[in-house]
C-alpha atoms as a PDB file:
ATOM      1  CA  MET A   1      94.900  76.489 133.508  1.00  0.00           C
ATOM      2  CA  ALA A   2      98.681  76.282 134.170  1.00  0.00           C
ATOM      3  CA  ASP A   3     100.227  75.276 137.389  1.00  0.00           C
ATOM      4  CA  GLN A   4     101.793  78.279 139.355  1.00  0.00           C
ATOM      5  CA  SER A   5     105.188  76.120 140.256  1.00  0.00           C
ATOM      6  CA  VAL A   6     106.062  75.416 136.729  1.00  0.00           C
ATOM      7  CA  PRO A   7     107.427  78.630 134.849  1.00  0.00           C
ATOM      8  CA  SER A   8     106.153  78.996 131.356  1.00  0.00           C
ATOM      9  CA  ALA A   9     108.738  79.134 128.542  1.00  0.00           C
ATOM     10  CA  PHE A  10     108.441  82.990 128.155  1.00  0.00           C
ATOM     11  CA  GLU A  11     109.121  83.440 132.096  1.00  0.00           C
ATOM     12  CA  LEU A  12     112.135  80.946 131.830  1.00  0.00           C
ATOM     13  CA  ALA A  13     113.605  82.820 128.799  1.00  0.00           C
ATOM     14  CA  LEU A  14     113.138  86.265 130.342  1.00  0.00           C
ATOM     15  CA  ARG A  15     114.777  85.050 133.622  1.00  0.00           C
ATOM     16  CA  LEU A  16     117.847  83.780 131.760  1.00  0.00           C
ATOM     17  CA  ILE A  17     118.133  86.863 129.977  1.00  0.00           C
ATOM     18  CA  VAL A  18     118.245  88.795 133.107  1.00  0.00           C
ATOM     19  CA  CYS A  19     120.708  86.272 134.554  1.00  0.00           C
ATOM     20  CA  LEU A  20     123.009  87.511 131.716  1.00  0.00           C
ATOM     21  CA  LEU A  21     122.489  91.249 132.335  1.00  0.00           C
ATOM     22  CA  PHE A  22     122.213  91.402 135.974  1.00  0.00           C
ATOM     23  CA  PRO A  23     122.431  88.048 137.978  1.00  0.00           C
ATOM     24  CA  PRO A  24     121.339  89.172 141.327  1.00  0.00           C
ATOM     25  CA  LEU A  25     118.006  90.498 139.811  1.00  0.00           C
ATOM     26  CA  ALA A  26     117.219  87.156 138.216  1.00  0.00           C
ATOM     27  CA  VAL A  27     117.216  85.309 141.908  1.00  0.00           C
ATOM     28  CA  ILE A  28     115.320  87.974 143.770  1.00  0.00           C
ATOM     29  CA  ASP A  29     112.566  85.784 144.588  1.00  0.00           C
ATOM     30  CA  LYS A  30     114.822  83.006 146.060  1.00  0.00           C
ATOM     31  CA  GLY A  31     115.700  84.451 149.107  1.00  0.00           C
ATOM     32  CA  CYS A  32     118.158  86.866 150.796  1.00  0.00           C
ATOM     33  CA  GLY A  33     121.190  84.505 151.081  1.00  0.00           C
ATOM     34  CA  VAL A  34     120.921  83.513 147.463  1.00  0.00           C
ATOM     35  CA  ILE A  35     120.739  87.189 146.482  1.00  0.00           C
ATOM     36  CA  LEU A  36     123.757  88.142 148.586  1.00  0.00           C
ATOM     37  CA  LEU A  37     125.777  85.173 147.305  1.00  0.00           C
ATOM     38  CA  THR A  38     124.937  85.804 143.770  1.00  0.00           C
ATOM     39  CA  LEU A  39     125.833  89.548 144.309  1.00  0.00           C
ATOM     40  CA  LEU A  40     129.381  88.605 145.987  1.00  0.00           C
ATOM     41  CA  LEU A  41     130.214  86.303 143.265  1.00  0.00           C
ATOM     42  CA  THR A  42     129.042  89.064 140.714  1.00  0.00           C
ATOM     43  CA  LEU A  43     131.418  91.267 142.189  1.00  0.00           C
ATOM     44  CA  PHE A  44     134.227  88.965 142.161  1.00  0.00           C
ATOM     45  CA  GLY A  45     133.342  88.456 138.183  1.00  0.00           C
ATOM     46  CA  TRP A  46     130.539  88.571 135.996  1.00  0.00           C
ATOM     47  CA  ILE A  47     130.819  84.935 134.918  1.00  0.00           C
ATOM     48  CA  PRO A  48     130.522  83.216 138.288  1.00  0.00           C
ATOM     49  CA  GLY A  49     127.709  85.223 139.139  1.00  0.00           C
ATOM     50  CA  THR A  50     125.784  84.448 135.969  1.00  0.00           C
ATOM     51  CA  ILE A  51     126.543  80.819 136.151  1.00  0.00           C
ATOM     52  CA  PHE A  52     125.470  80.583 139.775  1.00  0.00           C
ATOM     53  CA  ALA A  53     122.135  82.495 138.864  1.00  0.00           C
ATOM     54  CA  MET A  54     121.497  80.253 135.984  1.00  0.00           C
ATOM     55  CA  VAL A  55     121.939  77.166 138.230  1.00  0.00           C
ATOM     56  CA  ILE A  56     119.587  78.549 140.770  1.00  0.00           C
ATOM     57  CA  CYS A  57     117.042  79.644 138.128  1.00  0.00           C
ATOM     58  CA  LEU A  58     116.928  76.411 136.410  1.00  0.00           C
ATOM     59  CA  ARG A  59     116.673  74.420 139.440  1.00  0.00           C
ATOM     60  CA  ARG A  60     113.159  73.468 140.125  1.00  0.00           C
END
């Protein structure tokens, strides 16, 4: 059985796709502050929000 703290390849790929489409949704399980910061960066521009969401999602 796989460890729950390490995401599978499918989960990671799905999360990265969501990072591209709607960055705040991709970090919804990381906490309120991260969600708000991602939303703010996405409102300033899609690219900063996407980059921040990817950095947060890829960090373990």
